[in-house]
Amino acid sequence: GDELEVFWGKMVLEIRAPIGVNKGYAVHKLARERELDATIFLGDDTTDLDALHAIGELQSQGALRGVGVAVVHQDSPEALTRSADYGLKGVAEVGAFLEWLDSALGERAG
């Protein structure tokens, strides 16, 4: 019936309603409601796979340009690295990536 769905990740437990509400649903909803042209999603766990798949779906429909980035650590699920477009080595590289992105966008705007 209406049982909750449980998803385990690294140091995280997601409990979801059985109506398909997950990070992929959130990506679809945000893209539609905010009329996004593009997005970048960073994730490091099994629970992020739904968002990576949603970005792929939206791109294949021509509804959104997007990039999925896996933040890889020793416990990263193989499916995460397979599903992502790019990978960063741990949280330390996330900061460097965001600084690079900020700099690149600043240069384009100037």
PDB file of N, CA and C in Angstrom:
ATOM      1  N   GLY A   1       0.768  -1.165   0.000  1.00  0.00           N
ATOM      2  CA  GLY A   1       0.000   0.000   0.000  1.00  0.00           C
ATOM      3  C   GLY A   1       0.829   1.258   0.000  1.00  0.00           C
ATOM      4  N   ASP A   2       0.674   2.030   1.065  1.00  0.00           N
ATOM      5  CA  ASP A   2       1.290   3.354   1.169  1.00  0.00           C
ATOM      6  C   ASP A   2       2.544   3.340   2.037  1.00  0.00           C
ATOM      7  N   GLU A   3       3.330   2.268   1.952  1.00  0.00           N
ATOM      8  CA  GLU A   3       4.536   2.176   2.761  1.00  0.00           C
ATOM      9  C   GLU A   3       5.583   3.155   2.271  1.00  0.00           C
ATOM     10  N   LEU A   4       6.398   3.639   3.186  1.00  0.00           N
ATOM     11  CA  LEU A   4       7.494   4.532   2.827  1.00  0.00           C
ATOM     12  C   LEU A   4       8.622   3.723   2.215  1.00  0.00           C
ATOM     13  N   GLU A   5       9.384   4.369   1.301  1.00  0.00           N
ATOM     14  CA  GLU A   5      10.537   3.732   0.682  1.00  0.00           C
ATOM     15  C   GLU A   5      11.781   4.213   1.404  1.00  0.00           C
ATOM     16  N   VAL A   6      12.704   3.306   1.667  1.00  0.00           N
ATOM     17  CA  VAL A   6      13.925   3.623   2.387  1.00  0.00           C
ATOM     18  C   VAL A   6      15.114   3.436   1.447  1.00  0.00           C
ATOM     19  N   PHE A   7      15.985   4.453   1.384  1.00  0.00           N
ATOM     20  CA  PHE A   7      17.185   4.412   0.555  1.00  0.00           C
ATOM     21  C   PHE A   7      18.383   4.758   1.425  1.00  0.00           C
ATOM     22  N   TRP A   8      19.355   3.857   1.443  1.00  0.00           N
ATOM     23  CA  TRP A   8      20.563   4.069   2.228  1.00  0.00           C
ATOM     24  C   TRP A   8      21.663   4.628   1.353  1.00  0.00           C
ATOM     25  N   GLY A   9      22.442   5.526   1.907  1.00  0.00           N
ATOM     26  CA  GLY A   9      23.623   6.053   1.253  1.00  0.00           C
ATOM     27  C   GLY A   9      24.731   6.127   2.279  1.00  0.00           C
ATOM     28  N   LYS A  10      25.813   6.776   1.922  1.00  0.00           N
ATOM     29  CA  LYS A  10      26.924   6.912   2.861  1.00  0.00           C
ATOM     30  C   LYS A  10      26.534   7.934   3.924  1.00  0.00           C
ATOM     31  N   MET A  11      26.385   7.486   5.137  1.00  0.00           N
ATOM     32  CA  MET A  11      26.041   8.343   6.268  1.00  0.00           C
ATOM     33  C   MET A  11      24.730   9.103   6.051  1.00  0.00           C
ATOM     34  N   VAL A  12      23.822   8.531   5.265  1.00  0.00           N
ATOM     35  CA  VAL A  12      22.534   9.172   5.031  1.00  0.00           C
ATOM     36  C   VAL A  12      21.462   8.097   4.836  1.00  0.00           C
ATOM     37  N   LEU A  13      20.304   8.413   5.277  1.00  0.00           N
ATOM     38  CA  LEU A  13      19.138   7.567   5.074  1.00  0.00           C
ATOM     39  C   LEU A  13      18.030   8.472   4.559  1.00  0.00           C
ATOM     40  N   GLU A  14      17.513   8.152   3.375  1.00  0.00           N
ATOM     41  CA  GLU A  14      16.384   8.909   2.834  1.00  0.00           C
ATOM     42  C   GLU A  14      15.133   8.062   2.975  1.00  0.00           C
ATOM     43  N   ILE A  15      14.103   8.669   3.496  1.00  0.00           N
ATOM     44  CA  ILE A  15      12.806   8.017   3.567  1.00  0.00           C
ATOM     45  C   ILE A  15      11.889   8.803   2.656  1.00  0.00           C
ATOM     46  N   ARG A  16      11.358   8.107   1.653  1.00  0.00           N
ATOM     47  CA  ARG A  16      10.556   8.772   0.623  1.00  0.00           C
ATOM     48  C   ARG A  16       9.126   8.255   0.623  1.00  0.00           C
ATOM     49  N   ALA A  17       8.238   9.137   0.254  1.00  0.00           N
ATOM     50  CA  ALA A  17       6.855   8.730   0.020  1.00  0.00           C
ATOM     51  C   ALA A  17       6.823   7.895  -1.260  1.00  0.00           C
ATOM     52  N   PRO A  18       5.905   6.959  -1.368  1.00  0.00           N
ATOM     53  CA  PRO A  18       5.883   6.062  -2.532  1.00  0.00           C
ATOM     54  C   PRO A  18       5.253   6.695  -3.775  1.00  0.00           C
ATOM     55  N   ILE A  19       5.465   7.987  -3.987  1.00  0.00           N
ATOM     56  CA  ILE A  19       4.865   8.642  -5.155  1.00  0.00           C
ATOM     57  C   ILE A  19       5.930   9.210  -6.076  1.00  0.00           C
ATOM     58  N   GLY A  20       7.155   8.678  -6.002  1.00  0.00           N
ATOM     59  CA  GLY A  20       8.209   9.092  -6.910  1.00  0.00           C
ATOM     60  C   GLY A  20       8.862  10.414  -6.571  1.00  0.00           C
ATOM     61  N   VAL A  21       8.762  10.864  -5.335  1.00  0.00           N
ATOM     62  CA  VAL A  21       9.405  12.112  -4.935  1.00  0.00           C
ATOM     63  C   VAL A  21      10.839  11.792  -4.511  1.00  0.00           C
ATOM     64  N   ASN A  22      11.788  12.285  -5.291  1.00  0.00           N
ATOM     65  CA  ASN A  22      13.197  12.070  -5.010  1.00  0.00           C
ATOM     66  C   ASN A  22      13.977  13.229  -5.627  1.00  0.00           C
ATOM     67  N   LYS A  23      15.274  13.152  -5.654  1.00  0.00           N
ATOM     68  CA  LYS A  23      16.073  14.250  -6.191  1.00  0.00           C
ATOM     69  C   LYS A  23      15.846  14.438  -7.694  1.00  0.00           C
ATOM     70  N   GLY A  24      15.516  13.381  -8.391  1.00  0.00           N
ATOM     71  CA  GLY A  24      15.177  13.500  -9.810  1.00  0.00           C
ATOM     72  C   GLY A  24      13.887  14.273 -10.010  1.00  0.00           C
ATOM     73  N   TYR A  25      12.906  13.986  -9.175  1.00  0.00           N
ATOM     74  CA  TYR A  25      11.649  14.724  -9.208  1.00  0.00           C
ATOM     75  C   TYR A  25      11.917  16.202  -8.952  1.00  0.00           C
ATOM     76  N   ALA A  26      12.792  16.479  -7.979  1.00  0.00           N
ATOM     77  CA  ALA A  26      13.123  17.870  -7.641  1.00  0.00           C
ATOM     78  C   ALA A  26      13.781  18.576  -8.826  1.00  0.00           C
ATOM     79  N   VAL A  27      14.678  17.887  -9.534  1.00  0.00           N
ATOM     80  CA  VAL A  27      15.319  18.486 -10.717  1.00  0.00           C
ATOM     81  C   VAL A  27      14.276  18.825 -11.769  1.00  0.00           C
ATOM     82  N   HIS A  28      13.379  17.890 -12.065  1.00  0.00           N
ATOM     83  CA  HIS A  28      12.310  18.144 -13.050  1.00  0.00           C
ATOM     84  C   HIS A  28      11.451  19.329 -12.612  1.00  0.00           C
ATOM     85  N   LYS A  29      11.063  19.343 -11.346  1.00  0.00           N
ATOM     86  CA  LYS A  29      10.191  20.397 -10.827  1.00  0.00           C
ATOM     87  C   LYS A  29      10.879  21.761 -10.882  1.00  0.00           C
ATOM     88  N   LEU A  30      12.123  21.842 -10.439  1.00  0.00           N
ATOM     89  CA  LEU A  30      12.846  23.116 -10.470  1.00  0.00           C
ATOM     90  C   LEU A  30      13.063  23.602 -11.899  1.00  0.00           C
ATOM     91  N   ALA A  31      13.403  22.689 -12.789  1.00  0.00           N
ATOM     92  CA  ALA A  31      13.628  23.072 -14.186  1.00  0.00           C
ATOM     93  C   ALA A  31      12.358  23.659 -14.793  1.00  0.00           C
ATOM     94  N   ARG A  32      11.234  23.043 -14.493  1.00  0.00           N
ATOM     95  CA  ARG A  32       9.948  23.505 -15.038  1.00  0.00           C
ATOM     96  C   ARG A  32       9.501  24.810 -14.380  1.00  0.00           C
ATOM     97  N   GLU A  33       9.491  24.834 -13.047  1.00  0.00           N
ATOM     98  CA  GLU A  33       8.970  25.998 -12.344  1.00  0.00           C
ATOM     99  C   GLU A  33       9.850  27.233 -12.495  1.00  0.00           C
ATOM    100  N   ARG A  34      11.145  27.041 -12.543  1.00  0.00           N
ATOM    101  CA  ARG A  34      12.082  28.174 -12.654  1.00  0.00           C
ATOM    102  C   ARG A  34      12.468  28.467 -14.101  1.00  0.00           C
ATOM    103  N   GLU A  35      11.908  27.666 -15.018  1.00  0.00           N
ATOM    104  CA  GLU A  35      12.183  27.824 -16.450  1.00  0.00           C
ATOM    105  C   GLU A  35      13.691  27.873 -16.717  1.00  0.00           C
ATOM    106  N   LEU A  36      14.391  26.905 -16.153  1.00  0.00           N
ATOM    107  CA  LEU A  36      15.844  26.848 -16.282  1.00  0.00           C
ATOM    108  C   LEU A  36      16.257  26.493 -17.707  1.00  0.00           C
ATOM    109  N   ASP A  37      17.340  27.119 -18.152  1.00  0.00           N
ATOM    110  CA  ASP A  37      17.949  26.762 -19.430  1.00  0.00           C
ATOM    111  C   ASP A  37      19.044  25.724 -19.227  1.00  0.00           C
ATOM    112  N   ALA A  38      19.711  25.787 -18.062  1.00  0.00           N
ATOM    113  CA  ALA A  38      20.841  24.912 -17.794  1.00  0.00           C
ATOM    114  C   ALA A  38      20.994  24.702 -16.295  1.00  0.00           C
ATOM    115  N   THR A  39      21.682  23.610 -15.946  1.00  0.00           N
ATOM    116  CA  THR A  39      21.943  23.317 -14.547  1.00  0.00           C
ATOM    117  C   THR A  39      23.219  22.499 -14.408  1.00  0.00           C
ATOM    118  N   ILE A  40      23.818  22.602 -13.246  1.00  0.00           N
ATOM    119  CA  ILE A  40      24.944  21.755 -12.870  1.00  0.00           C
ATOM    120  C   ILE A  40      24.551  21.093 -11.561  1.00  0.00           C
ATOM    121  N   PHE A  41      24.658  19.778 -11.512  1.00  0.00           N
ATOM    122  CA  PHE A  41      24.316  19.045 -10.296  1.00  0.00           C
ATOM    123  C   PHE A  41      25.554  18.306  -9.809  1.00  0.00           C
ATOM    124  N   LEU A  42      25.897  18.479  -8.546  1.00  0.00           N
ATOM    125  CA  LEU A  42      27.001  17.767  -7.923  1.00  0.00           C
ATOM    126  C   LEU A  42      26.432  16.800  -6.902  1.00  0.00           C
ATOM    127  N   GLY A  43      26.891  15.564  -6.944  1.00  0.00           N
ATOM    128  CA  GLY A  43      26.418  14.577  -5.993  1.00  0.00           C
ATOM    129  C   GLY A  43      27.500  13.581  -5.647  1.00  0.00           C
ATOM    130  N   ASP A  44      27.362  12.976  -4.464  1.00  0.00           N
ATOM    131  CA  ASP A  44      28.406  12.060  -4.009  1.00  0.00           C
ATOM    132  C   ASP A  44      27.879  10.727  -3.512  1.00  0.00           C
ATOM    133  N   ASP A  45      26.602  10.434  -3.738  1.00  0.00           N
ATOM    134  CA  ASP A  45      26.042   9.243  -3.123  1.00  0.00           C
ATOM    135  C   ASP A  45      24.984   8.596  -4.014  1.00  0.00           C
ATOM    136  N   THR A  46      24.594   7.407  -3.637  1.00  0.00           N
ATOM    137  CA  THR A  46      23.563   6.661  -4.361  1.00  0.00           C
ATOM    138  C   THR A  46      22.272   7.458  -4.476  1.00  0.00           C
ATOM    139  N   THR A  47      21.954   8.236  -3.452  1.00  0.00           N
ATOM    140  CA  THR A  47      20.704   8.991  -3.452  1.00  0.00           C
ATOM    141  C   THR A  47      20.714  10.129  -4.473  1.00  0.00           C
ATOM    142  N   ASP A  48      21.873  10.403  -5.094  1.00  0.00           N
ATOM    143  CA  ASP A  48      21.974  11.451  -6.117  1.00  0.00           C
ATOM    144  C   ASP A  48      21.762  10.916  -7.533  1.00  0.00           C
ATOM    145  N   LEU A  49      21.670   9.612  -7.685  1.00  0.00           N
ATOM    146  CA  LEU A  49      21.514   9.020  -9.018  1.00  0.00           C
ATOM    147  C   LEU A  49      20.247   9.476  -9.723  1.00  0.00           C
ATOM    148  N   ASP A  50      19.155   9.630  -8.975  1.00  0.00           N
ATOM    149  CA  ASP A  50      17.893  10.063  -9.586  1.00  0.00           C
ATOM    150  C   ASP A  50      18.041  11.440 -10.240  1.00  0.00           C
ATOM    151  N   ALA A  51      18.783  12.334  -9.607  1.00  0.00           N
ATOM    152  CA  ALA A  51      18.996  13.667 -10.171  1.00  0.00           C
ATOM    153  C   ALA A  51      19.840  13.594 -11.437  1.00  0.00           C
ATOM    154  N   LEU A  52      20.890  12.776 -11.427  1.00  0.00           N
ATOM    155  CA  LEU A  52      21.725  12.620 -12.622  1.00  0.00           C
ATOM    156  C   LEU A  52      20.918  12.058 -13.783  1.00  0.00           C
ATOM    157  N   HIS A  53      20.075  11.085 -13.500  1.00  0.00           N
ATOM    158  CA  HIS A  53      19.223  10.514 -14.551  1.00  0.00           C
ATOM    159  C   HIS A  53      18.215  11.547 -15.063  1.00  0.00           C
ATOM    160  N   ALA A  54      17.671  12.357 -14.177  1.00  0.00           N
ATOM    161  CA  ALA A  54      16.707  13.396 -14.579  1.00  0.00           C
ATOM    162  C   ALA A  54      17.368  14.407 -15.510  1.00  0.00           C
ATOM    163  N   ILE A  55      18.589  14.801 -15.197  1.00  0.00           N
ATOM    164  CA  ILE A  55      19.302  15.735 -16.072  1.00  0.00           C
ATOM    165  C   ILE A  55      19.484  15.127 -17.452  1.00  0.00           C
ATOM    166  N   GLY A  56      19.849  13.855 -17.502  1.00  0.00           N
ATOM    167  CA  GLY A  56      19.979  13.167 -18.782  1.00  0.00           C
ATOM    168  C   GLY A  56      18.675  13.132 -19.556  1.00  0.00           C
ATOM    169  N   GLU A  57      17.572  12.864 -18.876  1.00  0.00           N
ATOM    170  CA  GLU A  57      16.251  12.845 -19.521  1.00  0.00           C
ATOM    171  C   GLU A  57      15.900  14.215 -20.093  1.00  0.00           C
ATOM    172  N   LEU A  58      16.092  15.250 -19.291  1.00  0.00           N
ATOM    173  CA  LEU A  58      15.762  16.608 -19.729  1.00  0.00           C
ATOM    174  C   LEU A  58      16.627  17.029 -20.917  1.00  0.00           C
ATOM    175  N   GLN A  59      17.882  16.624 -20.910  1.00  0.00           N
ATOM    176  CA  GLN A  59      18.753  16.940 -22.043  1.00  0.00           C
ATOM    177  C   GLN A  59      18.296  16.215 -23.303  1.00  0.00           C
ATOM    178  N   SER A  60      17.939  14.950 -23.167  1.00  0.00           N
ATOM    179  CA  SER A  60      17.513  14.186 -24.344  1.00  0.00           C
ATOM    180  C   SER A  60      16.205  14.720 -24.930  1.00  0.00           C
ATOM    181  N   GLN A  61      15.400  15.381 -24.105  1.00  0.00           N
ATOM    182  CA  GLN A  61      14.157  16.004 -24.559  1.00  0.00           C
ATOM    183  C   GLN A  61      14.391  17.408 -25.107  1.00  0.00           C
ATOM    184  N   GLY A  62      15.608  17.892 -24.978  1.00  0.00           N
ATOM    185  CA  GLY A  62      15.917  19.252 -25.422  1.00  0.00           C
ATOM    186  C   GLY A  62      15.352  20.322 -24.508  1.00  0.00           C
ATOM    187  N   ALA A  63      14.986  19.940 -23.290  1.00  0.00           N
ATOM    188  CA  ALA A  63      14.356  20.875 -22.360  1.00  0.00           C
ATOM    189  C   ALA A  63      15.368  21.630 -21.507  1.00  0.00           C
ATOM    190  N   LEU A  64      16.604  21.152 -21.457  1.00  0.00           N
ATOM    191  CA  LEU A  64      17.567  21.698 -20.524  1.00  0.00           C
ATOM    192  C   LEU A  64      18.966  21.262 -20.923  1.00  0.00           C
ATOM    193  N   ARG A  65      19.923  22.157 -20.771  1.00  0.00           N
ATOM    194  CA  ARG A  65      21.328  21.768 -20.868  1.00  0.00           C
ATOM    195  C   ARG A  65      21.793  21.520 -19.451  1.00  0.00           C
ATOM    196  N   GLY A  66      22.493  20.434 -19.242  1.00  0.00           N
ATOM    197  CA  GLY A  66      22.895  20.126 -17.882  1.00  0.00           C
ATOM    198  C   GLY A  66      24.143  19.283 -17.818  1.00  0.00           C
ATOM    199  N   VAL A  67      24.774  19.348 -16.660  1.00  0.00           N
ATOM    200  CA  VAL A  67      25.980  18.580 -16.394  1.00  0.00           C
ATOM    201  C   VAL A  67      25.829  17.934 -15.027  1.00  0.00           C
ATOM    202  N   GLY A  68      26.112  16.656 -14.975  1.00  0.00           N
ATOM    203  CA  GLY A  68      26.137  15.934 -13.713  1.00  0.00           C
ATOM    204  C   GLY A  68      27.572  15.677 -13.311  1.00  0.00           C
ATOM    205  N   VAL A  69      27.905  16.023 -12.075  1.00  0.00           N
ATOM    206  CA  VAL A  69      29.269  15.890 -11.584  1.00  0.00           C
ATOM    207  C   VAL A  69      29.267  14.973 -10.363  1.00  0.00           C
ATOM    208  N   ALA A  70      30.063  13.907 -10.444  1.00  0.00           N
ATOM    209  CA  ALA A  70      30.222  13.009  -9.305  1.00  0.00           C
ATOM    210  C   ALA A  70      31.356  13.517  -8.429  1.00  0.00           C
ATOM    211  N   VAL A  71      31.096  13.621  -7.140  1.00  0.00           N
ATOM    212  CA  VAL A  71      32.137  13.951  -6.170  1.00  0.00           C
ATOM    213  C   VAL A  71      32.610  12.604  -5.620  1.00  0.00           C
ATOM    214  N   VAL A  72      33.750  12.164  -6.121  1.00  0.00           N
ATOM    215  CA  VAL A  72      34.215  10.800  -5.890  1.00  0.00           C
ATOM    216  C   VAL A  72      35.054  10.707  -4.620  1.00  0.00           C
ATOM    217  N   HIS A  73      34.753   9.695  -3.819  1.00  0.00           N
ATOM    218  CA  HIS A  73      35.527   9.369  -2.628  1.00  0.00           C
ATOM    219  C   HIS A  73      35.656   7.860  -2.568  1.00  0.00           C
ATOM    220  N   GLN A  74      36.339   7.341  -1.588  1.00  0.00           N
ATOM    221  CA  GLN A  74      36.629   5.904  -1.558  1.00  0.00           C
ATOM    222  C   GLN A  74      35.386   5.034  -1.490  1.00  0.00           C
ATOM    223  N   ASP A  75      34.280   5.549  -0.988  1.00  0.00           N
ATOM    224  CA  ASP A  75      33.047   4.771  -0.877  1.00  0.00           C
ATOM    225  C   ASP A  75      32.034   5.076  -1.975  1.00  0.00           C
ATOM    226  N   SER A  76      32.461   5.796  -3.009  1.00  0.00           N
ATOM    227  CA  SER A  76      31.529   6.176  -4.068  1.00  0.00           C
ATOM    228  C   SER A  76      30.979   4.941  -4.782  1.00  0.00           C
ATOM    229  N   PRO A  77      29.677   4.924  -5.004  1.00  0.00           N
ATOM    230  CA  PRO A  77      29.110   3.813  -5.767  1.00  0.00           C
ATOM    231  C   PRO A  77      29.530   3.920  -7.228  1.00  0.00           C
ATOM    232  N   GLU A  78      29.824   2.790  -7.838  1.00  0.00           N
ATOM    233  CA  GLU A  78      30.253   2.776  -9.232  1.00  0.00           C
ATOM    234  C   GLU A  78      29.194   3.376 -10.145  1.00  0.00           C
ATOM    235  N   ALA A  79      27.932   3.168  -9.827  1.00  0.00           N
ATOM    236  CA  ALA A  79      26.845   3.705 -10.652  1.00  0.00           C
ATOM    237  C   ALA A  79      26.893   5.229 -10.711  1.00  0.00           C
ATOM    238  N   LEU A  80      27.366   5.865  -9.653  1.00  0.00           N
ATOM    239  CA  LEU A  80      27.452   7.321  -9.630  1.00  0.00           C
ATOM    240  C   LEU A  80      28.471   7.813 -10.657  1.00  0.00           C
ATOM    241  N   THR A  81      29.634   7.211 -10.663  1.00  0.00           N
ATOM    242  CA  THR A  81      30.668   7.649 -11.602  1.00  0.00           C
ATOM    243  C   THR A  81      30.278   7.321 -13.039  1.00  0.00           C
ATOM    244  N   ARG A  82      29.546   6.239 -13.242  1.00  0.00           N
ATOM    245  CA  ARG A  82      29.073   5.893 -14.596  1.00  0.00           C
ATOM    246  C   ARG A  82      28.003   6.870 -15.084  1.00  0.00           C
ATOM    247  N   SER A  83      27.181   7.359 -14.178  1.00  0.00           N
ATOM    248  CA  SER A  83      26.056   8.215 -14.553  1.00  0.00           C
ATOM    249  C   SER A  83      26.435   9.675 -14.733  1.00  0.00           C
ATOM    250  N   ALA A  84      27.535  10.093 -14.126  1.00  0.00           N
ATOM    251  CA  ALA A  84      27.934  11.500 -14.172  1.00  0.00           C
ATOM    252  C   ALA A  84      28.696  11.811 -15.458  1.00  0.00           C
ATOM    253  N   ASP A  85      28.641  13.081 -15.849  1.00  0.00           N
ATOM    254  CA  ASP A  85      29.392  13.543 -17.013  1.00  0.00           C
ATOM    255  C   ASP A  85      30.853  13.794 -16.663  1.00  0.00           C
ATOM    256  N   TYR A  86      31.080  14.236 -15.436  1.00  0.00           N
ATOM    257  CA  TYR A  86      32.427  14.564 -14.969  1.00  0.00           C
ATOM    258  C   TYR A  86      32.588  14.091 -13.535  1.00  0.00           C
ATOM    259  N   GLY A  87      33.822  14.063 -13.068  1.00  0.00           N
ATOM    260  CA  GLY A  87      34.085  13.669 -11.694  1.00  0.00           C
ATOM    261  C   GLY A  87      35.074  14.608 -11.031  1.00  0.00           C
ATOM    262  N   LEU A  88      34.882  14.817  -9.751  1.00  0.00           N
ATOM    263  CA  LEU A  88      35.808  15.574  -8.923  1.00  0.00           C
ATOM    264  C   LEU A  88      36.317  14.635  -7.845  1.00  0.00           C
ATOM    265  N   LYS A  89      37.584  14.786  -7.478  1.00  0.00           N
ATOM    266  CA  LYS A  89      38.180  13.932  -6.453  1.00  0.00           C
ATOM    267  C   LYS A  89      37.942  14.533  -5.078  1.00  0.00           C
ATOM    268  N   GLY A  90      36.846  14.168  -4.471  1.00  0.00           N
ATOM    269  CA  GLY A  90      36.552  14.592  -3.115  1.00  0.00           C
ATOM    270  C   GLY A  90      36.049  16.013  -2.989  1.00  0.00           C
ATOM    271  N   VAL A  91      35.708  16.358  -1.770  1.00  0.00           N
ATOM    272  CA  VAL A  91      35.122  17.654  -1.455  1.00  0.00           C
ATOM    273  C   VAL A  91      36.108  18.789  -1.723  1.00  0.00           C
ATOM    274  N   ALA A  92      37.398  18.547  -1.530  1.00  0.00           N
ATOM    275  CA  ALA A  92      38.397  19.597  -1.760  1.00  0.00           C
ATOM    276  C   ALA A  92      38.327  20.121  -3.190  1.00  0.00           C
ATOM    277  N   GLU A  93      38.111  19.234  -4.157  1.00  0.00           N
ATOM    278  CA  GLU A  93      38.017  19.676  -5.547  1.00  0.00           C
ATOM    279  C   GLU A  93      36.713  20.413  -5.841  1.00  0.00           C
ATOM    280  N   VAL A  94      35.684  20.200  -5.036  1.00  0.00           N
ATOM    281  CA  VAL A  94      34.427  20.926  -5.222  1.00  0.00           C
ATOM    282  C   VAL A  94      34.672  22.419  -5.051  1.00  0.00           C
ATOM    283  N   GLY A  95      35.396  22.791  -4.012  1.00  0.00           N
ATOM    284  CA  GLY A  95      35.705  24.206  -3.786  1.00  0.00           C
ATOM    285  C   GLY A  95      36.475  24.798  -4.945  1.00  0.00           C
ATOM    286  N   ALA A  96      37.479  24.086  -5.431  1.00  0.00           N
ATOM    287  CA  ALA A  96      38.273  24.570  -6.568  1.00  0.00           C
ATOM    288  C   ALA A  96      37.403  24.696  -7.816  1.00  0.00           C
ATOM    289  N   PHE A  97      36.505  23.734  -8.029  1.00  0.00           N
ATOM    290  CA  PHE A  97      35.603  23.778  -9.181  1.00  0.00           C
ATOM    291  C   PHE A  97      34.675  24.989  -9.101  1.00  0.00           C
ATOM    292  N   LEU A  98      34.114  25.239  -7.923  1.00  0.00           N
ATOM    293  CA  LEU A  98      33.198  26.370  -7.770  1.00  0.00           C
ATOM    294  C   LEU A  98      33.921  27.702  -7.953  1.00  0.00           C
ATOM    295  N   GLU A  99      35.153  27.782  -7.476  1.00  0.00           N
ATOM    296  CA  GLU A  99      35.941  28.999  -7.698  1.00  0.00           C
ATOM    297  C   GLU A  99      36.225  29.195  -9.177  1.00  0.00           C
ATOM    298  N   TRP A 100      36.587  28.116  -9.870  1.00  0.00           N
ATOM    299  CA  TRP A 100      36.831  28.181 -11.315  1.00  0.00           C
ATOM    300  C   TRP A 100      35.561  28.625 -12.046  1.00  0.00           C
ATOM    301  N   LEU A 101      34.420  28.037 -11.681  1.00  0.00           N
ATOM    302  CA  LEU A 101      33.154  28.366 -12.319  1.00  0.00           C
ATOM    303  C   LEU A 101      32.800  29.832 -12.100  1.00  0.00           C
ATOM    304  N   ASP A 102      32.965  30.309 -10.878  1.00  0.00           N
ATOM    305  CA  ASP A 102      32.691  31.706 -10.567  1.00  0.00           C
ATOM    306  C   ASP A 102      33.587  32.632 -11.393  1.00  0.00           C
ATOM    307  N   SER A 103      34.855  32.297 -11.494  1.00  0.00           N
ATOM    308  CA  SER A 103      35.795  33.085 -12.279  1.00  0.00           C
ATOM    309  C   SER A 103      35.419  33.074 -13.751  1.00  0.00           C
ATOM    310  N   ALA A 104      35.080  31.907 -14.277  1.00  0.00           N
ATOM    311  CA  ALA A 104      34.727  31.782 -15.695  1.00  0.00           C
ATOM    312  C   ALA A 104      33.462  32.573 -16.015  1.00  0.00           C
ATOM    313  N   LEU A 105      32.469  32.505 -15.143  1.00  0.00           N
ATOM    314  CA  LEU A 105      31.235  33.256 -15.370  1.00  0.00           C
ATOM    315  C   LEU A 105      31.466  34.752 -15.238  1.00  0.00           C
ATOM    316  N   GLY A 106      32.332  35.142 -14.308  1.00  0.00           N
ATOM    317  CA  GLY A 106      32.670  36.567 -14.145  1.00  0.00           C
ATOM    318  C   GLY A 106      33.356  37.125 -15.382  1.00  0.00           C
ATOM    319  N   GLU A 107      34.234  36.335 -15.984  1.00  0.00           N
ATOM    320  CA  GLU A 107      34.923  36.769 -17.189  1.00  0.00           C
ATOM    321  C   GLU A 107      33.948  36.919 -18.357  1.00  0.00           C
ATOM    322  N   ARG A 108      32.981  36.008 -18.464  1.00  0.00           N
ATOM    323  CA  ARG A 108      31.995  36.069 -19.554  1.00  0.00           C
ATOM    324  C   ARG A 108      31.081  37.293 -19.402  1.00  0.00           C
ATOM    325  N   ALA A 109      30.750  37.620 -18.147  1.00  0.00           N
ATOM    326  CA  ALA A 109      29.852  38.749 -17.895  1.00  0.00           C
ATOM    327  C   ALA A 109      30.550  40.090 -18.089  1.00  0.00           C
ATOM    328  N   GLY A 110      31.882  40.100 -17.907  1.00  0.00           N
ATOM    329  CA  GLY A 110      32.635  41.363 -17.973  1.00  0.00           C
ATOM    330  C   GLY A 110      33.003  41.684 -19.354  1.00  0.00           C
TER     331      GLY A 110
END
